[in-house]
């Protein structure tokens, strides 16, 4: 049985478009930020984050994690990078 388990663990996971988007180029599972992490990364206050969720369609949407919500770190980082590109006069990534 241990040989069978070892063989199964070496099988590549089937490619899935959502998993690929979440994992990104590195293939590493994403980090999930809770609201305090989003506040720390963006420098925005809690109330501003929730205001952006309502009014800014570009702001990353949280995902449900049971009774709480979390943001994918990669999406938050991309949103920050877009703001930097805008501030420096470069077009945002599509």
C-alpha atoms as a PDB file:
ATOM      1  CA  UNK A   1       0.000   0.000   0.000  1.00  0.00           C
ATOM      2  CA  UNK A   2       2.733   2.587   0.735  1.00  0.00           C
ATOM      3  CA  UNK A   3       4.056   2.141  -2.840  1.00  0.00           C
ATOM      4  CA  UNK A   4       0.594   2.851  -4.235  1.00  0.00           C
ATOM      5  CA  UNK A   5       0.235   5.998  -2.107  1.00  0.00           C
ATOM      6  CA  UNK A   6       3.690   7.180  -3.210  1.00  0.00           C
ATOM      7  CA  UNK A   7       2.775   6.627  -6.873  1.00  0.00           C
ATOM      8  CA  UNK A   8      -0.501   8.520  -6.473  1.00  0.00           C
ATOM      9  CA  UNK A   9       1.202  11.467  -4.795  1.00  0.00           C
ATOM     10  CA  UNK A  10       3.605  11.812  -7.769  1.00  0.00           C
ATOM     11  CA  UNK A  11       0.803  12.110 -10.336  1.00  0.00           C
ATOM     12  CA  UNK A  12       0.467  15.611 -11.759  1.00  0.00           C
ATOM     13  CA  UNK A  13      -2.765  17.330 -10.866  1.00  0.00           C
ATOM     14  CA  UNK A  14      -5.148  17.760 -13.748  1.00  0.00           C
ATOM     15  CA  UNK A  15      -4.965  21.265 -15.226  1.00  0.00           C
ATOM     16  CA  UNK A  16      -7.962  23.392 -14.336  1.00  0.00           C
ATOM     17  CA  UNK A  17      -8.474  26.969 -15.609  1.00  0.00           C
ATOM     18  CA  UNK A  18      -9.521  28.400 -12.247  1.00  0.00           C
ATOM     19  CA  UNK A  19      -6.731  26.642 -10.389  1.00  0.00           C
ATOM     20  CA  UNK A  20      -4.281  27.906 -13.030  1.00  0.00           C
ATOM     21  CA  UNK A  21      -5.483  31.495 -12.631  1.00  0.00           C
ATOM     22  CA  UNK A  22      -5.302  31.314  -8.849  1.00  0.00           C
ATOM     23  CA  UNK A  23      -1.909  29.634  -8.774  1.00  0.00           C
ATOM     24  CA  UNK A  24      -0.428  31.950 -11.386  1.00  0.00           C
ATOM     25  CA  UNK A  25       2.815  31.278 -13.183  1.00  0.00           C
ATOM     26  CA  UNK A  26       4.581  29.882 -10.131  1.00  0.00           C
ATOM     27  CA  UNK A  27       2.097  27.038  -9.662  1.00  0.00           C
ATOM     28  CA  UNK A  28       2.110  27.747  -5.922  1.00  0.00           C
ATOM     29  CA  UNK A  29      -1.183  27.930  -4.064  1.00  0.00           C
ATOM     30  CA  UNK A  30      -2.177  31.521  -3.359  1.00  0.00           C
ATOM     31  CA  UNK A  31      -1.960  33.363  -0.115  1.00  0.00           C
ATOM     32  CA  UNK A  32      -5.274  34.451   1.284  1.00  0.00           C
ATOM     33  CA  UNK A  33      -5.464  37.737   3.123  1.00  0.00           C
ATOM     34  CA  UNK A  34      -8.033  38.603   5.731  1.00  0.00           C
ATOM     35  CA  UNK A  35      -9.186  42.216   6.040  1.00  0.00           C
ATOM     36  CA  UNK A  36      -6.237  43.202   8.265  1.00  0.00           C
ATOM     37  CA  UNK A  37      -3.828  41.875   5.644  1.00  0.00           C
ATOM     38  CA  UNK A  38      -5.579  43.813   2.886  1.00  0.00           C
ATOM     39  CA  UNK A  39      -5.409  46.930   5.053  1.00  0.00           C
ATOM     40  CA  UNK A  40      -1.692  46.411   5.639  1.00  0.00           C
ATOM     41  CA  UNK A  41      -0.890  45.765   1.946  1.00  0.00           C
ATOM     42  CA  UNK A  42      -2.959  48.584   0.492  1.00  0.00           C
ATOM     43  CA  UNK A  43      -2.608  51.180   3.227  1.00  0.00           C
ATOM     44  CA  UNK A  44      -6.386  51.663   3.113  1.00  0.00           C
ATOM     45  CA  UNK A  45      -8.670  51.857   6.128  1.00  0.00           C
ATOM     46  CA  UNK A  46     -11.290  49.141   6.666  1.00  0.00           C
ATOM     47  CA  UNK A  47     -14.133  51.500   5.749  1.00  0.00           C
ATOM     48  CA  UNK A  48     -12.326  52.567   2.559  1.00  0.00           C
ATOM     49  CA  UNK A  49     -11.880  48.943   1.507  1.00  0.00           C
ATOM     50  CA  UNK A  50     -15.603  48.263   1.891  1.00  0.00           C
ATOM     51  CA  UNK A  51     -16.391  51.523   0.064  1.00  0.00           C
ATOM     52  CA  UNK A  52     -14.104  50.439  -2.798  1.00  0.00           C
ATOM     53  CA  UNK A  53     -15.876  47.071  -2.931  1.00  0.00           C
ATOM     54  CA  UNK A  54     -19.154  48.914  -3.545  1.00  0.00           C
ATOM     55  CA  UNK A  55     -17.923  51.635  -5.888  1.00  0.00           C
ATOM     56  CA  UNK A  56     -14.769  50.401  -7.660  1.00  0.00           C
ATOM     57  CA  UNK A  57     -15.334  47.480 -10.049  1.00  0.00           C
ATOM     58  CA  UNK A  58     -11.545  47.041 -10.340  1.00  0.00           C
ATOM     59  CA  UNK A  59     -11.037  46.439  -6.613  1.00  0.00           C
ATOM     60  CA  UNK A  60     -10.488  42.719  -5.838  1.00  0.00           C
ATOM     61  CA  UNK A  61     -13.560  40.912  -4.567  1.00  0.00           C
ATOM     62  CA  UNK A  62     -13.260  38.713  -1.479  1.00  0.00           C
ATOM     63  CA  UNK A  63     -13.989  35.012  -1.518  1.00  0.00           C
ATOM     64  CA  UNK A  64     -16.111  33.301   1.137  1.00  0.00           C
ATOM     65  CA  UNK A  65     -14.189  31.262   3.697  1.00  0.00           C
ATOM     66  CA  UNK A  66     -17.021  29.940   5.802  1.00  0.00           C
ATOM     67  CA  UNK A  67     -18.117  32.678   8.201  1.00  0.00           C
ATOM     68  CA  UNK A  68     -15.374  35.063   7.065  1.00  0.00           C
ATOM     69  CA  UNK A  69     -14.082  36.396   3.760  1.00  0.00           C
ATOM     70  CA  UNK A  70     -10.593  36.589   2.357  1.00  0.00           C
ATOM     71  CA  UNK A  71      -8.842  38.165  -0.599  1.00  0.00           C
ATOM     72  CA  UNK A  72      -6.392  36.430  -2.894  1.00  0.00           C
ATOM     73  CA  UNK A  73      -3.024  38.075  -2.269  1.00  0.00           C
ATOM     74  CA  UNK A  74      -2.158  37.925  -5.983  1.00  0.00           C
ATOM     75  CA  UNK A  75      -5.298  39.897  -6.897  1.00  0.00           C
ATOM     76  CA  UNK A  76      -4.592  42.522  -4.236  1.00  0.00           C
ATOM     77  CA  UNK A  77      -0.993  42.807  -5.448  1.00  0.00           C
ATOM     78  CA  UNK A  78      -2.181  43.183  -9.057  1.00  0.00           C
ATOM     79  CA  UNK A  79      -4.612  45.930  -8.030  1.00  0.00           C
ATOM     80  CA  UNK A  80      -1.763  47.758  -6.275  1.00  0.00           C
ATOM     81  CA  UNK A  81       0.467  47.332  -9.353  1.00  0.00           C
ATOM     82  CA  UNK A  82      -2.301  48.794 -11.541  1.00  0.00           C
ATOM     83  CA  UNK A  83      -2.512  51.848  -9.262  1.00  0.00           C
ATOM     84  CA  UNK A  84       1.259  52.313  -9.529  1.00  0.00           C
ATOM     85  CA  UNK A  85       1.134  52.051 -13.343  1.00  0.00           C
ATOM     86  CA  UNK A  86      -1.695  54.603 -13.449  1.00  0.00           C
ATOM     87  CA  UNK A  87       0.206  56.980 -11.187  1.00  0.00           C
ATOM     88  CA  UNK A  88       3.278  56.732 -13.414  1.00  0.00           C
ATOM     89  CA  UNK A  89       1.309  57.271 -16.615  1.00  0.00           C
ATOM     90  CA  UNK A  90       1.525  53.722 -17.916  1.00  0.00           C
ATOM     91  CA  UNK A  91      -1.555  51.772 -19.045  1.00  0.00           C
ATOM     92  CA  UNK A  92      -2.992  49.243 -16.609  1.00  0.00           C
ATOM     93  CA  UNK A  93      -2.617  45.552 -17.409  1.00  0.00           C
ATOM     94  CA  UNK A  94      -5.637  44.043 -19.142  1.00  0.00           C
END
